[in-house]
N, C-alpha and C. Protein backbone atom coordinates (compact mmCIF):
# COMPACT_ATOMS: atom_id res chain seq x y z
N MET A 1 0.94 -1.11 0.17
CA MET A 1 -0.34 -0.11 -0.31
C MET A 1 1.08 1.49 0.03
N PHE A 2 0.37 2.24 -0.22
CA PHE A 2 0.96 3.83 -0.58
C PHE A 2 0.64 4.53 0.69
N PHE A 3 0.93 3.86 1.74
CA PHE A 3 1.00 4.16 2.94
C PHE A 3 1.46 4.06 4.37
N ALA A 4 1.41 4.70 5.08
CA ALA A 4 2.22 4.30 6.98
C ALA A 4 1.08 4.75 7.55
N ALA A 5 -0.01 3.45 7.89
CA ALA A 5 -1.12 3.35 8.36
C ALA A 5 -1.00 3.90 9.93
N CYS A 6 -1.92 4.24 10.16
CA CYS A 6 -1.96 4.63 12.18
C CYS A 6 -3.02 3.68 12.85
N GLY A 7 -2.96 3.57 13.86
CA GLY A 7 -3.83 2.37 14.55
C GLY A 7 -3.95 3.12 15.76
N GLU A 8 -4.61 2.26 16.46
CA GLU A 8 -5.42 2.86 17.76
C GLU A 8 -4.71 3.41 18.91
N LYS A 9 -3.70 2.28 18.95
CA LYS A 9 -2.97 2.58 20.42
C LYS A 9 -1.81 3.47 20.34
N ASN A 10 -1.76 4.16 21.06
CA ASN A 10 -0.23 4.96 21.37
C ASN A 10 0.18 4.77 22.78
N LYS A 11 1.05 5.75 22.27
CA LYS A 11 2.25 5.53 23.86
C LYS A 11 1.88 7.11 24.00
N ALA A 12 1.90 7.04 25.60
CA ALA A 12 2.40 8.48 26.24
C ALA A 12 3.33 9.21 25.96
N GLY A 13 1.96 10.49 25.11
CA GLY A 13 2.63 11.61 24.68
C GLY A 13 2.76 11.27 23.09
N GLY A 14 2.57 10.43 22.45
CA GLY A 14 2.25 10.50 21.30
C GLY A 14 0.88 11.20 21.18
N ASN A 15 0.95 11.22 19.69
CA ASN A 15 -0.20 12.37 19.06
C ASN A 15 -0.89 10.81 18.24
N GLU A 16 -2.12 11.14 18.36
CA GLU A 16 -2.81 10.55 17.44
C GLU A 16 -3.83 10.87 16.20
N GLU A 17 -3.28 12.08 15.55
CA GLU A 17 -3.58 13.07 14.65
C GLU A 17 -3.17 14.13 14.20
N GLY A 18 -2.72 14.18 12.72
CA GLY A 18 -1.76 15.07 11.90
C GLY A 18 -1.66 15.38 10.96
N VAL A 19 -0.40 15.36 10.43
CA VAL A 19 -0.38 15.31 8.73
C VAL A 19 1.35 15.37 8.48
N ILE A 20 1.37 14.42 7.41
CA ILE A 20 2.97 14.31 7.49
C ILE A 20 2.95 14.22 5.78
N GLU A 21 4.25 15.40 5.42
CA GLU A 21 4.01 15.25 3.81
C GLU A 21 5.19 14.69 3.59
N PHE A 22 5.62 13.79 2.07
CA PHE A 22 6.47 12.96 1.54
C PHE A 22 6.69 13.66 0.36
N ASP A 23 8.39 13.34 0.39
CA ASP A 23 9.04 13.17 -1.21
C ASP A 23 7.81 11.94 -1.51
N THR A 24 8.06 11.67 -3.02
CA THR A 24 7.94 10.50 -3.79
C THR A 24 8.52 10.04 -5.04
N LYS A 25 9.32 9.12 -5.34
CA LYS A 25 9.49 8.79 -6.38
C LYS A 25 9.15 7.05 -6.98
N GLY A 26 9.20 6.59 -8.47
CA GLY A 26 9.22 5.42 -8.49
C GLY A 26 10.61 5.02 -8.42
N CYS A 27 10.45 3.44 -7.88
CA CYS A 27 11.45 2.70 -8.21
C CYS A 27 12.37 2.56 -8.87
N ASP A 28 11.23 2.16 -10.63
CA ASP A 28 11.58 1.58 -11.23
C ASP A 28 11.60 2.77 -12.91
N ASP A 29 12.36 3.19 -13.20
CA ASP A 29 12.52 4.25 -14.01
C ASP A 29 12.15 3.56 -15.22
N LYS A 30 11.77 2.44 -15.53
CA LYS A 30 11.89 1.61 -16.59
C LYS A 30 10.25 1.19 -16.79
N HIS A 31 9.61 1.05 -15.40
CA HIS A 31 8.25 0.45 -15.46
C HIS A 31 7.40 1.40 -16.47
N PRO A 32 6.29 0.81 -16.98
CA PRO A 32 5.44 1.62 -17.77
C PRO A 32 5.05 2.70 -16.85
N LEU A 33 4.57 2.44 -15.81
CA LEU A 33 3.89 3.47 -15.19
C LEU A 33 4.13 4.22 -13.96
N TYR A 34 5.93 4.76 -14.51
CA TYR A 34 6.96 5.73 -14.15
C TYR A 34 6.41 7.13 -13.86
N GLY A 35 6.10 6.89 -15.07
CA GLY A 35 5.44 8.81 -15.82
C GLY A 35 4.24 9.39 -15.34
N LEU A 36 3.57 8.42 -14.20
CA LEU A 36 2.21 8.90 -13.50
C LEU A 36 3.10 8.98 -12.18
N ALA A 37 3.90 7.99 -11.62
CA ALA A 37 4.41 8.17 -10.60
C ALA A 37 4.37 9.35 -9.18
N PRO A 38 3.57 10.00 -8.62
CA PRO A 38 3.78 12.06 -8.35
C PRO A 38 4.89 11.65 -7.32
N SER A 39 5.49 13.11 -7.04
CA SER A 39 6.57 13.19 -6.66
C SER A 39 6.16 13.52 -4.94
N SER A 40 5.36 13.82 -5.05
CA SER A 40 4.68 14.04 -3.31
C SER A 40 3.90 13.34 -2.75
N ALA A 41 3.19 13.58 -1.71
CA ALA A 41 2.17 12.53 -1.01
C ALA A 41 1.99 13.42 0.25
N THR A 42 0.94 13.71 0.40
CA THR A 42 0.34 14.09 2.13
C THR A 42 -0.81 12.83 2.91
N LEU A 43 -0.38 12.46 4.33
CA LEU A 43 -0.05 11.70 4.92
C LEU A 43 -1.56 12.44 5.40
N LYS A 44 -2.66 12.02 5.99
CA LYS A 44 -3.44 12.79 7.69
C LYS A 44 -4.27 11.79 7.79
N PHE A 45 -4.00 11.60 8.93
CA PHE A 45 -4.37 10.62 10.09
C PHE A 45 -4.83 10.94 10.95
N LYS A 46 -5.51 10.49 11.65
CA LYS A 46 -6.80 10.64 13.22
C LYS A 46 -7.19 9.37 13.86
N LYS A 47 -6.47 8.73 14.95
CA LYS A 47 -6.33 7.64 15.55
C LYS A 47 -6.44 6.62 14.53
N GLU A 48 -6.92 5.53 14.23
CA GLU A 48 -7.47 4.45 13.19
C GLU A 48 -8.02 4.74 12.26
N LYS A 49 -7.58 6.12 11.86
CA LYS A 49 -8.20 6.55 10.13
C LYS A 49 -7.11 6.40 9.39
N PHE A 50 -6.56 7.15 8.13
CA PHE A 50 -5.80 7.74 7.49
C PHE A 50 -6.22 7.45 5.89
N ILE A 51 -5.40 8.89 5.47
CA ILE A 51 -5.69 9.06 4.11
C ILE A 51 -3.79 9.31 3.65
N ILE A 52 -3.88 9.14 2.39
CA ILE A 52 -2.85 9.62 1.73
C ILE A 52 -3.22 10.00 -0.08
N GLU A 53 -2.96 11.33 0.33
CA GLU A 53 -3.05 12.40 -1.38
C GLU A 53 -2.17 11.77 -2.04
N MET A 54 -2.31 11.66 -3.71
CA MET A 54 -1.13 11.71 -4.29
C MET A 54 -2.15 12.43 -5.57
N SER A 55 -0.63 13.29 -6.52
CA SER A 55 -1.33 14.18 -7.66
C SER A 55 -0.22 13.99 -8.59
N THR A 56 -0.36 13.65 -9.44
CA THR A 56 0.92 13.40 -10.91
C THR A 56 0.27 15.17 -11.36
N MET A 57 0.47 15.81 -11.52
CA MET A 57 1.10 17.28 -12.48
C MET A 57 -0.70 17.63 -12.43
N GLY A 58 -1.56 17.18 -11.46
CA GLY A 58 -2.30 17.90 -11.04
C GLY A 58 -3.43 17.30 -11.72
N MET A 59 -3.55 16.38 -12.82
CA MET A 59 -4.25 15.62 -13.69
C MET A 59 -4.79 14.30 -13.44
N PHE A 60 -3.48 13.05 -12.95
CA PHE A 60 -3.77 11.76 -12.64
C PHE A 60 -3.77 12.12 -11.15
N ASN A 61 -4.80 11.69 -10.08
CA ASN A 61 -5.14 11.79 -9.05
C ASN A 61 -5.60 10.54 -8.06
N THR A 62 -4.90 10.00 -7.13
CA THR A 62 -5.37 9.05 -6.56
C THR A 62 -5.52 9.22 -5.08
N THR A 63 -6.02 8.40 -3.73
CA THR A 63 -5.76 8.48 -2.43
C THR A 63 -6.22 6.54 -1.89
N ILE A 64 -5.28 6.99 -0.89
CA ILE A 64 -5.86 5.16 -0.28
C ILE A 64 -5.93 6.27 1.14
N ILE A 65 -7.22 5.52 1.25
CA ILE A 65 -8.06 5.72 2.78
C ILE A 65 -8.49 4.17 3.53
N GLY A 66 -7.66 4.30 4.69
CA GLY A 66 -7.89 2.96 5.46
C GLY A 66 -8.54 3.24 7.05
N ASP A 67 -8.71 2.08 7.18
CA ASP A 67 -9.61 2.16 8.41
C ASP A 67 -9.30 0.60 9.75
N THR A 68 -8.18 1.17 10.35
CA THR A 68 -7.31 -0.26 10.69
C THR A 68 -8.36 -0.92 11.38
N LYS A 69 -9.68 0.11 12.06
CA LYS A 69 -10.54 -1.04 13.34
C LYS A 69 -11.63 -2.02 12.49
N ALA A 70 -12.09 -1.13 11.05
CA ALA A 70 -12.54 -1.63 9.95
C ALA A 70 -12.00 -2.85 9.06
N LYS A 71 -10.77 -2.34 9.01
CA LYS A 71 -9.79 -3.65 8.49
C LYS A 71 -10.46 -3.42 6.85
N THR A 72 -10.22 -2.29 6.00
CA THR A 72 -10.12 -1.73 5.09
C THR A 72 -9.77 -1.56 4.27
N VAL A 73 -9.75 -1.03 3.09
CA VAL A 73 -8.44 0.28 2.24
C VAL A 73 -9.23 0.14 1.36
N ALA A 74 -9.61 1.63 1.14
CA ALA A 74 -9.82 2.52 -0.11
C ALA A 74 -8.81 2.92 -1.80
N GLN A 75 -9.06 2.75 -2.46
CA GLN A 75 -8.38 3.00 -3.37
C GLN A 75 -9.23 4.01 -4.48
N THR A 76 -8.96 5.52 -4.65
CA THR A 76 -9.76 6.08 -5.22
C THR A 76 -9.00 7.30 -6.31
N VAL A 77 -9.68 7.26 -7.44
CA VAL A 77 -8.59 7.56 -8.99
C VAL A 77 -9.92 8.89 -9.48
N LYS A 78 -8.93 9.77 -10.08
CA LYS A 78 -9.84 10.79 -10.72
C LYS A 78 -8.89 11.08 -11.71
N PHE A 79 -9.17 10.78 -13.14
CA PHE A 79 -8.49 10.81 -14.32
C PHE A 79 -9.26 11.27 -15.56
N MET A 80 -9.48 12.35 -15.57
CA MET A 80 -10.07 12.74 -16.90
C MET A 80 -11.58 12.74 -16.20
N ASP A 81 -12.42 11.75 -17.03
CA ASP A 81 -13.60 11.75 -16.87
C ASP A 81 -13.65 10.79 -16.08
N ILE A 82 -12.78 9.71 -15.52
CA ILE A 82 -12.94 8.79 -14.23
C ILE A 82 -12.52 9.19 -13.22
N LYS A 83 -13.87 8.78 -12.57
CA LYS A 83 -13.63 8.99 -10.86
C LYS A 83 -14.28 7.99 -10.50
N GLN A 84 -13.18 7.04 -9.74
CA GLN A 84 -13.80 5.41 -9.47
C GLN A 84 -13.43 4.89 -8.17
N ALA A 85 -13.69 4.07 -7.39
CA ALA A 85 -13.17 3.60 -6.19
C ALA A 85 -13.15 2.33 -5.81
N CYS A 86 -12.51 1.57 -5.30
CA CYS A 86 -11.90 0.36 -4.84
C CYS A 86 -12.06 -0.07 -3.49
N ILE A 87 -13.07 -0.84 -2.87
CA ILE A 87 -12.62 -0.82 -1.87
C ILE A 87 -12.15 -2.45 -1.27
N GLU A 88 -11.31 -3.16 -0.72
CA GLU A 88 -10.64 -3.95 -0.06
C GLU A 88 -10.96 -4.67 1.32
N ASN A 89 -11.29 -5.37 1.54
CA ASN A 89 -11.32 -6.34 3.12
C ASN A 89 -10.10 -6.91 3.47
N GLU A 90 -9.95 -7.14 4.83
CA GLU A 90 -9.11 -7.83 5.33
C GLU A 90 -8.28 -8.90 4.73
N LYS A 91 -9.15 -9.70 3.51
CA LYS A 91 -8.66 -10.76 2.60
C LYS A 91 -8.17 -10.21 1.50
N ASP A 92 -8.73 -9.59 0.84
CA ASP A 92 -7.61 -8.39 -0.22
C ASP A 92 -6.46 -8.18 0.41
N ILE A 93 -7.01 -7.27 1.68
CA ILE A 93 -5.29 -7.01 2.22
C ILE A 93 -4.12 -8.09 2.33
N VAL A 94 -4.55 -8.78 3.07
CA VAL A 94 -3.85 -9.95 2.98
C VAL A 94 -3.05 -10.48 1.90
N ALA A 95 -3.90 -10.56 1.06
CA ALA A 95 -3.26 -10.92 -0.18
C ALA A 95 -2.52 -9.95 -0.64
N ASP A 96 -2.73 -9.24 -1.16
CA ASP A 96 -1.65 -7.75 -1.35
C ASP A 96 -0.48 -8.29 -0.84
N ASN A 97 -0.22 -7.78 0.10
CA ASN A 97 0.93 -7.63 1.02
C ASN A 97 1.54 -9.10 0.99
N SER A 98 0.87 -10.38 1.08
CA SER A 98 1.66 -11.54 0.56
C SER A 98 2.28 -11.26 -0.63
N ASP A 99 2.23 -10.61 -1.77
CA ASP A 99 3.04 -10.43 -2.88
C ASP A 99 4.19 -9.18 -2.69
N TYR A 100 4.15 -8.80 -1.34
CA TYR A 100 5.53 -7.92 -1.19
C TYR A 100 5.83 -8.11 0.52
N GLU A 101 5.78 -9.66 -0.12
CA GLU A 101 6.10 -10.37 1.86
C GLU A 101 7.81 -9.44 2.24
N LEU A 102 8.15 -9.13 3.19
CA LEU A 102 9.28 -8.26 3.70
C LEU A 102 9.94 -9.12 4.94
N LYS A 103 10.98 -9.20 5.26
CA LYS A 103 11.80 -9.53 6.05
C LYS A 103 12.70 -8.41 6.60
N ILE A 104 11.92 -8.11 7.37
CA ILE A 104 12.81 -6.73 8.52
C ILE A 104 13.56 -6.90 9.71
N GLU A 105 14.47 -6.52 9.83
CA GLU A 105 15.47 -6.62 10.79
C GLU A 105 15.65 -4.81 11.62
N GLU A 106 15.55 -5.44 12.68
CA GLU A 106 15.09 -4.11 13.49
C GLU A 106 17.18 -3.70 14.14
N THR A 107 17.40 -2.28 13.66
CA THR A 107 18.72 -1.75 13.91
C THR A 107 18.49 -0.76 15.10
N LYS A 108 19.68 -0.21 16.23
CA LYS A 108 19.44 0.37 16.66
C LYS A 108 19.90 2.18 16.78
N GLU A 109 20.33 1.78 15.11
CA GLU A 109 21.38 3.17 14.39
C GLU A 109 20.09 4.09 14.22
N THR A 110 20.02 5.56 14.83
CA THR A 110 19.34 6.57 14.72
C THR A 110 19.26 7.60 14.02
N LYS A 111 18.68 8.19 13.17
CA LYS A 111 18.52 9.76 12.37
C LYS A 111 17.71 10.03 12.54
N THR A 112 17.81 12.03 12.36
CA THR A 112 16.28 12.49 12.37
C THR A 112 15.89 12.91 11.15
N ILE A 113 14.83 12.92 10.95
CA ILE A 113 13.93 12.96 9.34
C ILE A 113 12.26 13.63 9.98
N ALA A 114 12.17 14.60 9.14
CA ALA A 114 11.31 15.76 9.78
C ALA A 114 11.59 16.31 11.12
N LYS A 115 12.11 16.39 11.73
CA LYS A 115 12.19 16.50 13.16
C LYS A 115 11.86 15.58 14.42
N LEU A 116 11.64 14.25 13.87
CA LEU A 116 11.20 12.90 14.52
C LEU A 116 12.64 12.27 14.88
N LYS A 117 12.85 12.02 15.84
CA LYS A 117 14.22 10.66 15.71
C LYS A 117 13.64 9.37 15.57
N CYS A 118 14.00 8.63 13.98
CA CYS A 118 13.96 7.57 13.37
C CYS A 118 15.07 6.05 13.98
N TYR A 119 14.70 5.40 13.63
CA TYR A 119 14.80 4.31 13.80
C TYR A 119 15.11 3.40 12.27
N LYS A 120 16.41 2.56 12.10
CA LYS A 120 16.99 2.38 10.56
C LYS A 120 16.29 0.70 10.70
N LEU A 121 15.16 0.39 9.78
CA LEU A 121 15.43 -1.23 9.12
C LEU A 121 16.35 -1.38 8.32
N ASN A 122 16.33 -2.81 8.24
CA ASN A 122 17.25 -3.51 7.16
C ASN A 122 16.31 -4.74 6.60
N VAL A 123 15.62 -4.12 5.22
CA VAL A 123 14.60 -4.96 4.86
C VAL A 123 15.18 -5.88 3.52
N THR A 124 14.46 -7.28 3.60
CA THR A 124 14.56 -8.04 2.58
C THR A 124 13.54 -8.25 1.97
N MET A 125 13.71 -8.41 0.69
CA MET A 125 12.23 -9.31 -0.14
C MET A 125 12.33 -10.83 -0.18
N VAL A 126 11.04 -11.07 0.63
CA VAL A 126 11.23 -12.33 1.01
C VAL A 126 11.07 -13.50 -0.10
N LYS A 127 10.71 -12.94 -1.28
CA LYS A 127 10.88 -13.91 -2.80
C LYS A 127 11.90 -13.18 -3.76
N ASN A 128 12.46 -12.10 -3.02
CA ASN A 128 13.51 -12.20 -3.69
C ASN A 128 14.62 -11.77 -2.96
N PRO A 129 15.49 -12.31 -2.59
CA PRO A 129 16.15 -11.96 -1.24
C PRO A 129 17.45 -11.44 -1.69
N ALA A 130 17.61 -11.05 -2.87
CA ALA A 130 18.50 -10.24 -3.52
C ALA A 130 18.46 -8.77 -3.68
N ILE A 131 17.25 -8.49 -3.41
CA ILE A 131 16.72 -7.32 -2.78
C ILE A 131 16.61 -6.68 -1.72
N LYS A 132 17.28 -5.84 -1.70
CA LYS A 132 17.43 -5.84 0.13
C LYS A 132 17.53 -3.76 -0.22
N PHE A 133 16.96 -3.45 1.16
CA PHE A 133 17.20 -2.06 0.75
C PHE A 133 16.36 -1.20 2.49
N VAL A 134 16.92 0.11 3.13
CA VAL A 134 16.60 0.29 4.32
C VAL A 134 15.42 1.45 4.47
N ALA A 135 14.82 1.17 5.30
CA ALA A 135 13.73 1.90 6.27
C ALA A 135 13.30 2.50 6.72
N TRP A 136 13.04 3.38 7.44
CA TRP A 136 12.83 4.29 8.98
C TRP A 136 12.01 4.30 9.44
N TYR A 137 11.60 4.02 10.55
CA TYR A 137 10.44 4.82 11.52
C TYR A 137 10.43 5.58 12.59
N THR A 138 9.42 6.00 13.29
CA THR A 138 9.78 6.95 15.05
C THR A 138 8.98 5.95 15.34
N LYS A 139 9.26 6.19 16.48
CA LYS A 139 8.54 5.55 17.75
C LYS A 139 7.65 7.10 18.36
N GLU A 140 7.75 8.47 17.86
CA GLU A 140 7.82 9.79 18.80
C GLU A 140 6.34 9.72 18.52
N LEU A 141 5.73 9.38 17.58
CA LEU A 141 4.04 9.52 17.52
C LEU A 141 3.23 8.45 18.21
N GLY A 142 3.59 7.68 19.22
CA GLY A 142 3.00 6.50 19.52
C GLY A 142 2.73 5.89 18.35
N MET A 143 1.17 5.36 18.52
CA MET A 143 0.59 4.64 17.30
C MET A 143 1.59 3.34 17.14
N GLU A 144 1.53 2.48 18.00
CA GLU A 144 2.71 0.87 17.72
C GLU A 144 2.13 0.07 16.79
N ASP A 145 0.43 0.22 16.79
CA ASP A 145 0.01 -1.03 15.65
C ASP A 145 -0.33 -0.21 14.52
N CYS A 146 0.46 1.42 14.05
CA CYS A 146 -0.33 1.55 13.34
C CYS A 146 0.06 1.09 11.64
N ASN A 147 0.65 0.09 11.58
CA ASN A 147 0.54 -0.73 10.09
C ASN A 147 0.44 -2.01 9.58
N PHE A 148 -1.00 -1.90 10.47
CA PHE A 148 -1.47 -3.70 10.55
C PHE A 148 -2.01 -3.81 9.34
N LEU A 149 -2.69 -2.40 8.27
CA LEU A 149 -3.05 -3.06 6.91
C LEU A 149 -1.82 -2.85 5.72
N ASN A 150 -0.62 -2.95 6.16
CA ASN A 150 0.91 -3.00 5.24
C ASN A 150 1.83 -4.02 5.59
N PRO A 151 2.32 -3.96 4.87
CA PRO A 151 3.55 -4.99 4.53
C PRO A 151 4.49 -4.76 5.94
N TYR A 152 4.44 -3.69 6.33
CA TYR A 152 5.50 -3.66 7.58
C TYR A 152 4.80 -3.74 8.83
N VAL A 153 3.92 -4.76 9.16
CA VAL A 153 3.00 -4.94 9.79
C VAL A 153 3.98 -5.17 11.24
N ALA A 154 5.16 -5.58 11.28
CA ALA A 154 5.79 -6.08 12.41
C ALA A 154 6.24 -4.24 13.15
N VAL A 155 6.41 -3.46 12.12
CA VAL A 155 6.91 -2.42 12.45
C VAL A 155 5.83 -1.53 13.97
N LYS A 156 7.03 -1.40 14.72
CA LYS A 156 5.98 -0.72 15.99
C LYS A 156 6.38 0.84 15.70
N GLY A 157 5.68 1.40 14.86
CA GLY A 157 5.44 3.06 14.90
C GLY A 157 5.66 3.05 13.68
N VAL A 158 5.66 4.39 13.51
CA VAL A 158 4.96 5.10 11.99
C VAL A 158 6.20 5.22 11.06
N LEU A 159 6.33 4.85 10.08
CA LEU A 159 7.35 4.55 8.46
C LEU A 159 7.24 6.16 8.20
N MET A 160 8.42 6.68 8.42
CA MET A 160 9.20 7.52 7.64
C MET A 160 9.90 7.80 6.39
N ASP A 161 10.23 6.51 6.24
CA ASP A 161 11.22 6.26 4.74
C ASP A 161 11.10 4.72 4.45
N TYR A 162 10.30 4.83 3.38
CA TYR A 162 10.19 3.59 3.38
C TYR A 162 9.64 3.11 1.60
N ARG A 163 9.29 1.90 1.05
CA ARG A 163 9.25 1.37 -0.16
C ARG A 163 7.84 0.70 -0.16
N VAL A 164 7.09 0.84 -1.05
CA VAL A 164 5.86 -0.11 -0.56
C VAL A 164 5.52 -0.25 -2.44
N LYS A 165 4.40 -1.38 -2.56
CA LYS A 165 4.19 -1.18 -4.09
C LYS A 165 2.56 -1.42 -3.94
N LYS A 166 2.01 -0.80 -5.35
CA LYS A 166 0.38 -1.09 -5.22
C LYS A 166 0.33 -0.94 -6.49
N MET A 167 -0.85 -1.74 -7.26
CA MET A 167 -1.30 -1.94 -8.66
C MET A 167 0.17 -2.02 -9.78
N GLY A 168 0.92 -2.83 -9.06
CA GLY A 168 2.23 -3.29 -9.94
C GLY A 168 3.33 -1.88 -10.22
N LEU A 169 3.30 -0.90 -9.02
CA LEU A 169 3.89 -0.04 -9.83
C LEU A 169 4.56 0.14 -7.52
N GLU A 170 5.71 0.05 -7.34
CA GLU A 170 6.61 0.74 -6.47
C GLU A 170 7.65 1.67 -6.09
N MET A 171 7.30 2.17 -5.35
CA MET A 171 7.63 3.87 -4.89
C MET A 171 8.02 3.80 -3.53
N HIS A 172 8.87 4.94 -3.49
CA HIS A 172 9.56 5.11 -2.34
C HIS A 172 9.12 6.80 -1.93
N PHE A 173 8.58 6.57 -0.41
CA PHE A 173 8.04 7.34 0.17
C PHE A 173 9.57 7.97 1.28
N VAL A 174 9.59 9.45 1.48
CA VAL A 174 10.89 9.69 2.76
C VAL A 174 9.41 10.95 3.09
N ALA A 175 10.05 11.10 4.45
CA ALA A 175 9.39 12.19 4.83
C ALA A 175 9.97 13.59 4.86
N LYS A 176 8.89 14.68 4.78
CA LYS A 176 9.79 15.92 4.69
C LYS A 176 9.05 16.69 5.95
N SER A 177 8.21 16.42 6.32
CA SER A 177 7.56 17.51 7.39
C SER A 177 6.53 16.62 8.14
N TYR A 178 6.56 16.92 9.27
CA TYR A 178 5.30 17.14 10.41
C TYR A 178 4.49 17.60 11.00
N ASN A 179 3.02 18.37 11.03
CA ASN A 179 2.67 18.90 11.34
C ASN A 179 1.96 18.01 12.61
N SER A 180 1.20 18.50 13.49
CA SER A 180 0.52 17.67 14.58
C SER A 180 -0.83 19.20 14.91
N ILE A 181 -1.22 18.87 14.16
CA ILE A 181 -3.24 19.35 13.28
C ILE A 181 -3.98 18.72 13.48
N GLU A 182 -5.60 19.39 13.58
CA GLU A 182 -6.75 19.01 13.59
C GLU A 182 -6.77 18.19 12.21
N VAL A 183 -7.54 16.89 11.91
CA VAL A 183 -8.05 16.97 10.79
C VAL A 183 -9.71 16.31 10.54
N PRO A 184 -10.30 16.69 9.97
CA PRO A 184 -11.88 16.82 9.97
C PRO A 184 -12.00 15.07 10.29
N ASP A 185 -13.51 14.37 10.20
CA ASP A 185 -13.37 13.30 10.00
C ASP A 185 -13.89 13.43 8.53
N LYS A 186 -14.28 14.20 7.97
CA LYS A 186 -15.45 13.89 6.66
C LYS A 186 -13.84 13.29 5.52
N THR A 187 -12.74 13.99 5.76
CA THR A 187 -11.22 13.75 5.10
C THR A 187 -11.24 12.47 4.74
N PHE A 188 -12.02 11.17 5.92
CA PHE A 188 -11.36 9.86 5.33
C PHE A 188 -12.60 8.94 4.85
N GLU A 189 -13.68 10.28 4.52
CA GLU A 189 -14.78 9.46 3.50
C GLU A 189 -14.73 9.28 1.86
N VAL A 190 -15.33 8.30 1.76
CA VAL A 190 -14.74 8.16 0.04
C VAL A 190 -15.78 8.78 -0.45
N PRO A 191 -15.58 10.04 -1.18
CA PRO A 191 -16.43 10.85 -1.93
C PRO A 191 -17.79 10.05 -2.98
N ALA A 192 -18.67 10.99 -2.43
CA ALA A 192 -19.99 9.93 -3.09
C ALA A 192 -20.13 10.11 -4.94
N SER A 193 -19.33 11.22 -5.03
CA SER A 193 -19.41 11.11 -6.41
C SER A 193 -18.71 9.90 -7.27
N MET A 194 -17.93 8.99 -6.69
CA MET A 194 -17.14 7.80 -6.80
C MET A 194 -17.57 7.19 -7.26
N LYS A 195 -17.86 6.08 -8.18
CA LYS A 195 -17.91 4.79 -8.87
C LYS A 195 -17.37 3.72 -8.16
N ILE A 196 -17.90 2.98 -7.48
CA ILE A 196 -17.72 1.84 -6.74
C ILE A 196 -17.33 0.96 -7.47
N VAL A 197 -15.93 -0.12 -7.79
CA VAL A 197 -15.68 -0.89 -8.82
C VAL A 197 -15.08 -1.96 -7.76
N SER A 198 -14.89 -2.90 -8.53
CA SER A 198 -14.38 -4.31 -8.08
C SER A 198 -12.70 -4.02 -7.88
N LYS A 199 -11.88 -4.90 -7.33
CA LYS A 199 -10.64 -4.91 -7.34
C LYS A 199 -10.33 -5.01 -8.44
N GLU A 200 -10.87 -6.07 -9.43
CA GLU A 200 -10.01 -6.66 -10.53
C GLU A 200 -10.63 -5.75 -12.02
N GLU A 201 -11.55 -4.91 -11.27
CA GLU A 201 -11.69 -3.42 -12.40
C GLU A 201 -10.73 -2.59 -12.04
N MET A 202 -10.51 -2.17 -10.91
CA MET A 202 -9.32 -1.22 -10.89
C MET A 202 -7.88 -1.36 -11.57
N ALA A 203 -7.85 -3.02 -11.14
CA ALA A 203 -6.23 -3.59 -11.71
C ALA A 203 -6.53 -3.06 -13.00
N LYS A 204 -7.51 -3.41 -14.09
CA LYS A 204 -7.47 -3.26 -15.54
C LYS A 204 -7.54 -1.90 -15.56
N PHE A 205 -7.81 -0.93 -15.30
CA PHE A 205 -7.77 0.02 -14.99
C PHE A 205 -6.48 0.80 -15.10
N PHE A 206 -5.05 0.16 -14.60
CA PHE A 206 -4.09 0.43 -14.45
C PHE A 206 -3.16 -0.15 -15.27
N ALA A 207 -3.49 -1.16 -15.67
CA ALA A 207 -3.43 -2.44 -16.51
C ALA A 207 -3.55 -1.53 -18.18
N ASN A 208 -4.58 -1.01 -18.67
CA ASN A 208 -4.61 -0.24 -20.02
C ASN A 208 -3.97 1.13 -20.20
N LEU A 209 -3.30 1.64 -18.53
CA LEU A 209 -2.19 2.60 -18.69
C LEU A 209 -1.36 2.34 -19.41
N GLN A 210 -0.51 1.20 -19.04
CA GLN A 210 0.31 0.71 -19.47
C GLN A 210 0.94 0.95 -21.10
């Protein structure tokens, strides 16, 4: 998923609401959808709900909306005259994550990202062990169960520098700012203007873009 989901539990002093801005890029410049990869993303979270918003040149807009309590993830797309959303349940999410299974090694190495202390992770792709990369997460926002809906489920904190794949395109996210601000509840609703389609229909839409 293109998100660092935010869960229900939080440590003392941690915040459960706010906004993180990310720099983003595609990982493979030869991928057919590389040109549609956004250069930035905005993550808004409030307790068990989150939304990550991305746009490419203001023309191709997509969001990921998650609810760790309901165990659902919705992806919306706005492109030209197309406005559609796909809502995945826990079974679909588990299947998606199994295709991007990760072996994660915790380390004690730290650095500051977006003014937050972050911890280094050594990550290996389970199905292709030759692929290794580094990720970083913070404990300063609390939310130990924040990755319940993504492949980093074992990580007890908010991801600040990570890679993930959705609809076949792998992307790299690096946080550049964090603000502890109020996020309205309606932010996490799928717009009524969206046509609800199946996971297969959404996958076909992305395949036709290639």
